[in-house]
Amino acid sequence: MIADVLTDAGTRMDRAVESAKEDFATVRTGRANPQLFQKVLVDYYGSPTPLAQLASLNSPEARTIIVTPYDKSALKAIEQAIREMPNLGANPTNDGNIVRISMPELTEERRKEYVKLVRGKAEDAKVHVRGIRRKSKDDLDALKSDVGEDELVRAEKELDALTRAHVDAIDESLKRKEAELLEV
């Protein structure tokens, strides 16, 4: 029973760390990267659809992304969704077949804004990991009548170590992303 709670907590914390890394990937660095557009939702026939399901993305140059829609009728909607994407600063142009996105040069001020944004995302991820820890601790406390107190204390220590390891993984990813953002 205790092992199940700890395994579930570890799995959910792993997913939280992966989600944080994906969020970090959507924050722009100096180079144009198709991952920046992972979270773009396009209004396609009335339903929000991820851009990756509607088009292929590739980066032929350092500051350019080419979006080739599978359905040409979605071209305007894709262009509009990219233009409305916050924290991107992208300028999409539509030539009737593809959407070409030119990414502007990052200024020092903009880089610092991105660092603040990434730190906020990291803090949200840490809060999520701590929430998982809290729920798992409650689940362990519910097992108090079924298991001994020593086993419960040992399980709580394992849960704390698990939480610390996942928070450290988020911090490590944050450090790498900050260095990447501040690199000129």
Protein backbone atom coordinates (compact mmCIF):
# COMPACT_ATOMS: atom_id res chain seq x y z
CA MET A 1 0.00 0.00 0.00
CA ILE A 2 2.76 2.44 0.93
CA ALA A 3 4.75 1.44 -2.15
CA ASP A 4 1.70 2.16 -4.34
CA VAL A 5 1.34 5.66 -2.89
CA LEU A 6 5.05 6.39 -3.40
CA THR A 7 5.06 4.97 -6.93
CA ASP A 8 2.02 7.03 -7.87
CA ALA A 9 3.60 10.16 -6.39
CA GLY A 10 6.85 9.53 -8.29
CA THR A 11 5.02 9.04 -11.58
CA ARG A 12 2.95 12.19 -11.15
CA MET A 13 6.03 14.21 -10.13
CA ASP A 14 7.89 12.92 -13.21
CA ARG A 15 5.03 14.16 -15.37
CA ALA A 16 5.15 17.56 -13.61
CA VAL A 17 8.90 17.87 -14.34
CA GLU A 18 8.36 16.89 -18.00
CA SER A 19 5.55 19.41 -18.28
CA ALA A 20 7.85 22.10 -16.87
CA LYS A 21 10.52 21.22 -19.43
CA GLU A 22 7.94 21.44 -22.23
CA ASP A 23 6.83 24.84 -20.91
CA PHE A 24 10.46 25.99 -20.91
CA ALA A 25 10.81 24.88 -24.52
CA THR A 26 7.94 27.17 -25.54
CA VAL A 27 9.86 30.22 -24.29
CA ARG A 28 11.86 31.71 -27.07
CA THR A 29 15.64 31.91 -27.18
CA GLY A 30 17.77 33.57 -29.83
CA ARG A 31 17.05 30.90 -32.43
CA ALA A 32 13.72 30.09 -34.07
CA ASN A 33 12.57 26.66 -32.92
CA PRO A 34 9.39 24.81 -33.94
CA GLN A 35 8.86 23.85 -30.27
CA LEU A 36 7.97 27.49 -29.60
CA PHE A 37 4.67 26.82 -31.32
CA GLN A 38 3.72 23.69 -29.38
CA LYS A 39 1.11 25.48 -27.29
CA VAL A 40 -0.45 27.47 -30.16
CA LEU A 41 -4.15 26.61 -30.48
CA VAL A 42 -5.81 27.44 -33.80
CA ASP A 43 -9.56 27.99 -34.07
CA TYR A 44 -10.20 25.32 -36.71
CA TYR A 45 -13.87 24.98 -37.63
CA GLY A 46 -14.91 26.25 -34.21
CA SER A 47 -12.69 24.06 -32.05
CA PRO A 48 -9.24 24.91 -30.64
CA THR A 49 -6.76 22.59 -32.35
CA PRO A 50 -2.99 22.37 -31.70
CA LEU A 51 -0.96 23.83 -34.55
CA ALA A 52 1.09 20.63 -34.91
CA GLN A 53 -2.09 18.77 -35.95
CA LEU A 54 -2.87 21.31 -38.67
CA ALA A 55 0.52 21.98 -40.21
CA SER A 56 4.14 20.95 -40.48
CA LEU A 57 6.74 23.30 -39.02
CA ASN A 58 10.36 23.59 -40.05
CA SER A 59 13.17 26.05 -39.52
CA PRO A 60 15.22 26.66 -42.69
CA GLU A 61 17.14 29.60 -41.16
CA ALA A 62 18.10 30.75 -37.67
CA ARG A 63 15.31 33.33 -37.36
CA THR A 64 12.65 31.91 -39.67
CA ILE A 65 9.98 29.24 -39.27
CA ILE A 66 7.92 27.93 -42.17
CA VAL A 67 4.43 26.62 -41.37
CA THR A 68 2.92 24.50 -44.14
CA PRO A 69 -0.76 23.79 -43.43
CA TYR A 70 -2.24 20.46 -44.46
CA ASP A 71 -5.49 22.27 -45.27
CA LYS A 72 -5.00 25.58 -47.13
CA SER A 73 -8.35 26.88 -45.82
CA ALA A 74 -6.81 27.03 -42.32
CA LEU A 75 -4.08 29.46 -43.45
CA LYS A 76 -5.74 32.64 -42.13
CA ALA A 77 -6.69 31.00 -38.82
CA ILE A 78 -3.12 29.75 -38.31
CA GLU A 79 -1.69 33.18 -39.08
CA GLN A 80 -4.13 34.82 -36.63
CA ALA A 81 -3.38 32.31 -33.83
CA ILE A 82 0.38 32.87 -34.18
CA ARG A 83 -0.07 36.64 -34.19
CA GLU A 84 -2.12 36.45 -30.96
CA MET A 85 0.35 34.14 -29.18
CA PRO A 86 1.67 36.04 -26.12
CA ASN A 87 5.39 36.32 -25.30
CA LEU A 88 6.45 35.38 -28.81
CA GLY A 89 6.88 38.65 -30.67
CA ALA A 90 6.51 36.76 -33.95
CA ASN A 91 5.48 38.43 -37.18
CA PRO A 92 3.75 35.90 -39.47
CA THR A 93 3.23 36.57 -43.19
CA ASN A 94 0.99 34.53 -45.46
CA ASP A 95 1.79 34.00 -49.15
CA GLY A 96 -1.25 31.85 -49.98
CA ASN A 97 0.48 28.49 -49.47
CA ILE A 98 2.60 28.80 -46.35
CA VAL A 99 2.98 31.03 -43.30
CA ARG A 100 6.48 32.43 -42.90
CA ILE A 101 7.34 33.59 -39.40
CA SER A 102 10.25 35.97 -38.87
CA MET A 103 11.49 36.13 -35.31
CA PRO A 104 12.89 39.51 -34.25
CA GLU A 105 16.28 39.89 -32.58
CA LEU A 106 16.07 39.61 -28.79
CA THR A 107 17.00 42.72 -26.82
CA GLU A 108 18.57 42.55 -23.37
CA GLU A 109 15.34 43.81 -21.83
CA ARG A 110 13.30 41.14 -23.64
CA ARG A 111 15.73 38.43 -22.52
CA LYS A 112 15.24 39.49 -18.90
CA GLU A 113 11.46 39.38 -19.35
CA TYR A 114 11.79 35.82 -20.67
CA VAL A 115 13.94 34.86 -17.68
CA LYS A 116 11.20 36.17 -15.35
CA LEU A 117 8.60 34.23 -17.33
CA VAL A 118 10.63 31.01 -17.10
CA ARG A 119 11.15 31.49 -13.36
CA GLY A 120 7.39 31.86 -12.93
CA LYS A 121 6.81 28.64 -14.88
CA ALA A 122 9.42 26.87 -12.72
CA GLU A 123 7.75 28.08 -9.54
CA ASP A 124 4.36 26.86 -10.80
CA ALA A 125 5.89 23.44 -11.48
CA LYS A 126 7.43 23.32 -8.00
CA VAL A 127 4.07 24.24 -6.44
CA HIS A 128 2.49 21.40 -8.44
CA VAL A 129 5.14 18.93 -7.18
CA ARG A 130 4.56 20.08 -3.61
CA GLY A 131 0.81 19.64 -4.11
CA ILE A 132 1.42 16.06 -5.22
CA ARG A 133 3.54 15.57 -2.10
CA ARG A 134 0.77 16.97 0.11
CA LYS A 135 -1.85 14.66 -1.41
CA SER A 136 0.46 11.65 -1.10
CA LYS A 137 1.15 12.55 2.53
CA ASP A 138 -2.61 12.63 3.15
CA ASP A 139 -2.89 9.22 1.49
CA LEU A 140 -0.13 7.90 3.75
CA ASP A 141 -1.84 9.35 6.83
CA ALA A 142 -5.03 7.51 5.81
CA LEU A 143 -3.04 4.25 6.00
CA LYS A 144 -2.02 4.97 9.61
CA SER A 145 -4.42 2.37 11.06
CA ASP A 146 -3.20 -0.35 8.64
CA VAL A 147 0.58 0.05 8.95
CA GLY A 148 3.03 0.72 11.75
CA GLU A 149 4.21 4.17 12.72
CA ASP A 150 7.84 3.34 11.83
CA GLU A 151 6.87 2.37 8.30
CA LEU A 152 4.87 5.57 7.96
CA VAL A 153 7.81 7.73 9.09
CA ARG A 154 10.12 5.88 6.67
CA ALA A 155 7.62 6.39 3.83
CA GLU A 156 7.35 10.11 4.61
CA LYS A 157 11.14 10.42 4.46
CA GLU A 158 11.13 8.65 1.07
CA LEU A 159 8.37 10.99 -0.12
CA ASP A 160 10.40 14.02 1.00
CA ALA A 161 13.48 12.71 -0.82
CA LEU A 162 11.38 12.12 -3.94
CA THR A 163 9.98 15.65 -3.73
CA ARG A 164 13.44 17.15 -3.22
CA ALA A 165 14.82 15.24 -6.23
CA HIS A 166 12.01 16.48 -8.50
CA VAL A 167 12.29 20.09 -7.28
CA ASP A 168 16.05 19.89 -7.91
CA ALA A 169 15.38 18.60 -11.44
CA ILE A 170 13.13 21.59 -12.10
CA ASP A 171 15.80 23.94 -10.72
CA GLU A 172 18.43 22.33 -12.95
CA SER A 173 16.24 22.73 -16.04
CA LEU A 174 15.57 26.34 -15.03
CA LYS A 175 19.29 27.04 -14.70
CA ARG A 176 19.97 25.63 -18.19
CA LYS A 177 17.12 27.63 -19.73
CA GLU A 178 18.25 30.87 -18.03
CA ALA A 179 21.77 30.38 -19.37
CA GLU A 180 20.34 29.71 -22.83
CA LEU A 181 18.18 32.84 -22.67
CA LEU A 182 20.94 35.15 -21.46
CA GLU A 183 23.46 33.85 -24.01
CA VAL A 184 23.98 36.48 -26.67
